[in-house]
Amino acid sequence: MDRRIETILSNSRTVAVVGISDKPDRPSHVVAKYLQERGYRVIPVNPFLTEVLGEKAYKSLAEIPGQVDLVDVFRKSGDVPPVAEEAVRVGARFFWMQEGVESDRAREILDMAGIPCVMDRCVKKELEKRGK
């Protein structure tokens, strides 16, 4: 798992944060801001927002122009399989389910498409562990 995490973190520059909140105290906002401060391009994905952290928010992954390296998901576990399917359709390179988010069905979808994924881990904590 550590090798997979290292590969994902080293090869991702554009991160779509699905389920991001515009509330600064929410984990999705904290993680997205952390990524932004470290040079990642953060693309907010939330159908109820128009902008977060100075970036235009999109209703879905399909609306994002250009390539997405990493899809970072802050949604209930049961909501993740459709996000995984959409990530496959848009050609995302990697998929990450934040702490407390696990979906075997999403992992199956991603495995069949050859997209490496991580479940139940915090991308911010993983970067901090690596001194990034």
C-alpha atoms as a PDB file:
ATOM      1  CA  MET A   1       0.000   0.000   0.000  1.00  0.00           C
ATOM      2  CA  ASP A   2       2.822   2.436   0.813  1.00  0.00           C
ATOM      3  CA  ARG A   3       4.299   2.017  -2.662  1.00  0.00           C
ATOM      4  CA  ARG A   4       0.878   2.700  -4.229  1.00  0.00           C
ATOM      5  CA  ILE A   5       0.425   5.812  -2.064  1.00  0.00           C
ATOM      6  CA  GLU A   6       3.897   7.046  -2.977  1.00  0.00           C
ATOM      7  CA  THR A   7       3.192   6.525  -6.691  1.00  0.00           C
ATOM      8  CA  ILE A   8      -0.095   8.408  -6.481  1.00  0.00           C
ATOM      9  CA  LEU A   9       1.337  11.312  -4.496  1.00  0.00           C
ATOM     10  CA  SER A  10       4.421  11.605  -6.708  1.00  0.00           C
ATOM     11  CA  ASN A  11       2.497  11.521  -9.974  1.00  0.00           C
ATOM     12  CA  SER A  12      -0.457  13.777  -9.188  1.00  0.00           C
ATOM     13  CA  ARG A  13      -0.512  17.523  -9.760  1.00  0.00           C
ATOM     14  CA  THR A  14      -4.200  18.113 -10.526  1.00  0.00           C
ATOM     15  CA  VAL A  15      -6.601  16.956  -7.815  1.00  0.00           C
ATOM     16  CA  ALA A  16     -10.383  16.977  -8.132  1.00  0.00           C
ATOM     17  CA  VAL A  17     -11.831  17.132  -4.607  1.00  0.00           C
ATOM     18  CA  VAL A  18     -15.293  15.555  -4.761  1.00  0.00           C
ATOM     19  CA  GLY A  19     -17.595  16.625  -1.963  1.00  0.00           C
ATOM     20  CA  ILE A  20     -15.525  19.651  -0.998  1.00  0.00           C
ATOM     21  CA  SER A  21     -17.080  22.101   1.448  1.00  0.00           C
ATOM     22  CA  ASP A  22     -16.713  25.867   1.437  1.00  0.00           C
ATOM     23  CA  LYS A  23     -16.668  25.813   5.254  1.00  0.00           C
ATOM     24  CA  PRO A  24     -13.055  26.278   6.443  1.00  0.00           C
ATOM     25  CA  ASP A  25     -13.473  23.928   9.416  1.00  0.00           C
ATOM     26  CA  ARG A  26     -14.554  20.921   7.315  1.00  0.00           C
ATOM     27  CA  PRO A  27     -11.938  18.215   6.593  1.00  0.00           C
ATOM     28  CA  SER A  28     -12.470  18.458   2.817  1.00  0.00           C
ATOM     29  CA  HIS A  29     -11.695  22.186   2.901  1.00  0.00           C
ATOM     30  CA  VAL A  30      -8.657  21.722   5.167  1.00  0.00           C
ATOM     31  CA  VAL A  31      -7.196  18.993   2.945  1.00  0.00           C
ATOM     32  CA  ALA A  32      -7.851  20.919  -0.283  1.00  0.00           C
ATOM     33  CA  LYS A  33      -6.217  24.043   1.137  1.00  0.00           C
ATOM     34  CA  TYR A  34      -3.222  21.983   2.276  1.00  0.00           C
ATOM     35  CA  LEU A  35      -2.855  20.544  -1.241  1.00  0.00           C
ATOM     36  CA  GLN A  36      -3.191  23.993  -2.792  1.00  0.00           C
ATOM     37  CA  GLU A  37      -0.506  25.405  -0.481  1.00  0.00           C
ATOM     38  CA  ARG A  38       1.857  22.669  -1.654  1.00  0.00           C
ATOM     39  CA  GLY A  39       1.481  23.467  -5.321  1.00  0.00           C
ATOM     40  CA  TYR A  40      -1.259  21.060  -6.338  1.00  0.00           C
ATOM     41  CA  ARG A  41      -3.975  22.377  -8.616  1.00  0.00           C
ATOM     42  CA  VAL A  42      -7.197  21.771  -6.701  1.00  0.00           C
ATOM     43  CA  ILE A  43     -10.450  21.484  -8.618  1.00  0.00           C
ATOM     44  CA  PRO A  44     -13.527  21.651  -6.364  1.00  0.00           C
ATOM     45  CA  VAL A  45     -16.390  19.304  -7.262  1.00  0.00           C
ATOM     46  CA  ASN A  46     -19.672  20.059  -5.517  1.00  0.00           C
ATOM     47  CA  PRO A  47     -22.982  20.664  -7.328  1.00  0.00           C
ATOM     48  CA  PHE A  48     -24.063  23.202  -4.702  1.00  0.00           C
ATOM     49  CA  LEU A  49     -21.041  25.529  -4.909  1.00  0.00           C
ATOM     50  CA  THR A  50     -19.683  27.894  -7.547  1.00  0.00           C
ATOM     51  CA  GLU A  51     -16.243  28.578  -6.044  1.00  0.00           C
ATOM     52  CA  VAL A  52     -14.004  27.262  -3.281  1.00  0.00           C
ATOM     53  CA  LEU A  53     -10.491  28.416  -2.354  1.00  0.00           C
ATOM     54  CA  GLY A  54     -10.507  30.822  -5.282  1.00  0.00           C
ATOM     55  CA  GLU A  55     -11.169  28.017  -7.784  1.00  0.00           C
ATOM     56  CA  LYS A  56     -14.263  27.500  -9.928  1.00  0.00           C
ATOM     57  CA  ALA A  57     -16.325  24.586  -8.591  1.00  0.00           C
ATOM     58  CA  TYR A  58     -17.797  22.008 -10.958  1.00  0.00           C
ATOM     59  CA  LYS A  59     -20.998  20.010 -10.545  1.00  0.00           C
ATOM     60  CA  SER A  60     -19.315  16.752 -11.607  1.00  0.00           C
ATOM     61  CA  LEU A  61     -16.035  15.286 -12.793  1.00  0.00           C
ATOM     62  CA  ALA A  62     -17.407  15.238 -16.346  1.00  0.00           C
ATOM     63  CA  GLU A  63     -17.640  19.051 -16.378  1.00  0.00           C
ATOM     64  CA  ILE A  64     -13.955  19.581 -15.613  1.00  0.00           C
ATOM     65  CA  PRO A  65     -11.982  20.673 -18.686  1.00  0.00           C
ATOM     66  CA  GLY A  66      -8.679  18.884 -19.126  1.00  0.00           C
ATOM     67  CA  GLN A  67      -6.988  15.983 -17.375  1.00  0.00           C
ATOM     68  CA  VAL A  68      -7.439  15.100 -13.710  1.00  0.00           C
ATOM     69  CA  ASP A  69      -4.631  13.156 -12.082  1.00  0.00           C
ATOM     70  CA  LEU A  70      -6.263  12.321  -8.762  1.00  0.00           C
ATOM     71  CA  VAL A  71      -9.893  12.147  -7.682  1.00  0.00           C
ATOM     72  CA  ASP A  72     -10.014  12.688  -3.898  1.00  0.00           C
ATOM     73  CA  VAL A  73     -13.418  11.721  -2.492  1.00  0.00           C
ATOM     74  CA  PHE A  74     -15.138  13.152   0.592  1.00  0.00           C
ATOM     75  CA  ARG A  75     -18.506  11.395   0.304  1.00  0.00           C
ATOM     76  CA  LYS A  76     -20.363   8.666   2.160  1.00  0.00           C
ATOM     77  CA  SER A  77     -19.078   5.219   1.251  1.00  0.00           C
ATOM     78  CA  GLY A  78     -22.377   4.276  -0.400  1.00  0.00           C
ATOM     79  CA  ASP A  79     -22.101   7.269  -2.742  1.00  0.00           C
ATOM     80  CA  VAL A  80     -18.660   6.352  -4.062  1.00  0.00           C
ATOM     81  CA  PRO A  81     -19.315   3.752  -6.828  1.00  0.00           C
ATOM     82  CA  PRO A  82     -20.924   6.292  -9.200  1.00  0.00           C
ATOM     83  CA  VAL A  83     -17.989   8.641  -8.578  1.00  0.00           C
ATOM     84  CA  ALA A  84     -15.604   5.796  -9.441  1.00  0.00           C
ATOM     85  CA  GLU A  85     -17.540   5.122 -12.648  1.00  0.00           C
ATOM     86  CA  GLU A  86     -17.332   8.789 -13.581  1.00  0.00           C
ATOM     87  CA  ALA A  87     -13.600   8.856 -12.787  1.00  0.00           C
ATOM     88  CA  VAL A  88     -13.132   5.983 -15.222  1.00  0.00           C
ATOM     89  CA  ARG A  89     -15.152   7.787 -17.909  1.00  0.00           C
ATOM     90  CA  VAL A  90     -13.111  11.003 -17.613  1.00  0.00           C
ATOM     91  CA  GLY A  91      -9.773   9.181 -17.601  1.00  0.00           C
ATOM     92  CA  ALA A  92      -8.594  10.021 -14.083  1.00  0.00           C
ATOM     93  CA  ARG A  93      -5.215   8.449 -13.318  1.00  0.00           C
ATOM     94  CA  PHE A  94      -5.742   7.775  -9.593  1.00  0.00           C
ATOM     95  CA  PHE A  95      -8.574   7.580  -7.057  1.00  0.00           C
ATOM     96  CA  TRP A  96      -8.500   8.274  -3.308  1.00  0.00           C
ATOM     97  CA  MET A  97     -11.178   7.670  -0.675  1.00  0.00           C
ATOM     98  CA  GLN A  98     -10.571   9.739   2.450  1.00  0.00           C
ATOM     99  CA  GLU A  99     -10.571   8.430   6.021  1.00  0.00           C
ATOM    100  CA  GLY A 100     -13.795   6.639   6.851  1.00  0.00           C
ATOM    101  CA  VAL A 101     -14.654   6.141   3.173  1.00  0.00           C
ATOM    102  CA  GLU A 102     -14.497   2.573   1.888  1.00  0.00           C
ATOM    103  CA  SER A 103     -16.194   0.894  -1.058  1.00  0.00           C
ATOM    104  CA  ASP A 104     -15.321  -2.545  -2.355  1.00  0.00           C
ATOM    105  CA  ARG A 105     -17.598  -1.917  -5.353  1.00  0.00           C
ATOM    106  CA  ALA A 106     -15.737   1.285  -6.221  1.00  0.00           C
ATOM    107  CA  ARG A 107     -12.417  -0.556  -5.896  1.00  0.00           C
ATOM    108  CA  GLU A 108     -13.693  -3.274  -8.282  1.00  0.00           C
ATOM    109  CA  ILE A 109     -14.731  -0.634 -10.832  1.00  0.00           C
ATOM    110  CA  LEU A 110     -11.338   1.064 -10.578  1.00  0.00           C
ATOM    111  CA  ASP A 111      -9.371  -2.203 -10.649  1.00  0.00           C
ATOM    112  CA  MET A 112     -11.160  -3.247 -13.853  1.00  0.00           C
ATOM    113  CA  ALA A 113     -10.127   0.079 -15.399  1.00  0.00           C
ATOM    114  CA  GLY A 114      -6.543  -0.178 -14.144  1.00  0.00           C
ATOM    115  CA  ILE A 115      -6.845   2.897 -11.926  1.00  0.00           C
ATOM    116  CA  PRO A 116      -4.897   2.604  -8.653  1.00  0.00           C
ATOM    117  CA  CYS A 117      -6.954   3.534  -5.605  1.00  0.00           C
ATOM    118  CA  VAL A 118      -6.564   4.084  -1.887  1.00  0.00           C
ATOM    119  CA  MET A 119      -9.339   3.680   0.688  1.00  0.00           C
ATOM    120  CA  ASP A 120      -9.763   4.988   4.215  1.00  0.00           C
ATOM    121  CA  ARG A 121      -6.646   7.160   4.278  1.00  0.00           C
ATOM    122  CA  CYS A 122      -6.134  10.911   4.502  1.00  0.00           C
ATOM    123  CA  VAL A 123      -4.075  12.374   1.667  1.00  0.00           C
ATOM    124  CA  LYS A 124      -2.946  15.254   3.916  1.00  0.00           C
ATOM    125  CA  LYS A 125      -1.686  12.882   6.618  1.00  0.00           C
ATOM    126  CA  GLU A 126       0.096  10.767   4.002  1.00  0.00           C
ATOM    127  CA  LEU A 127       1.837  13.843   2.605  1.00  0.00           C
ATOM    128  CA  GLU A 128       2.772  14.991   6.122  1.00  0.00           C
ATOM    129  CA  LYS A 129       4.284  11.555   6.870  1.00  0.00           C
ATOM    130  CA  ARG A 130       6.505  12.015   3.846  1.00  0.00           C
ATOM    131  CA  GLY A 131       7.517  15.564   4.818  1.00  0.00           C
ATOM    132  CA  LYS A 132       5.618  17.127   1.923  1.00  0.00           C
END
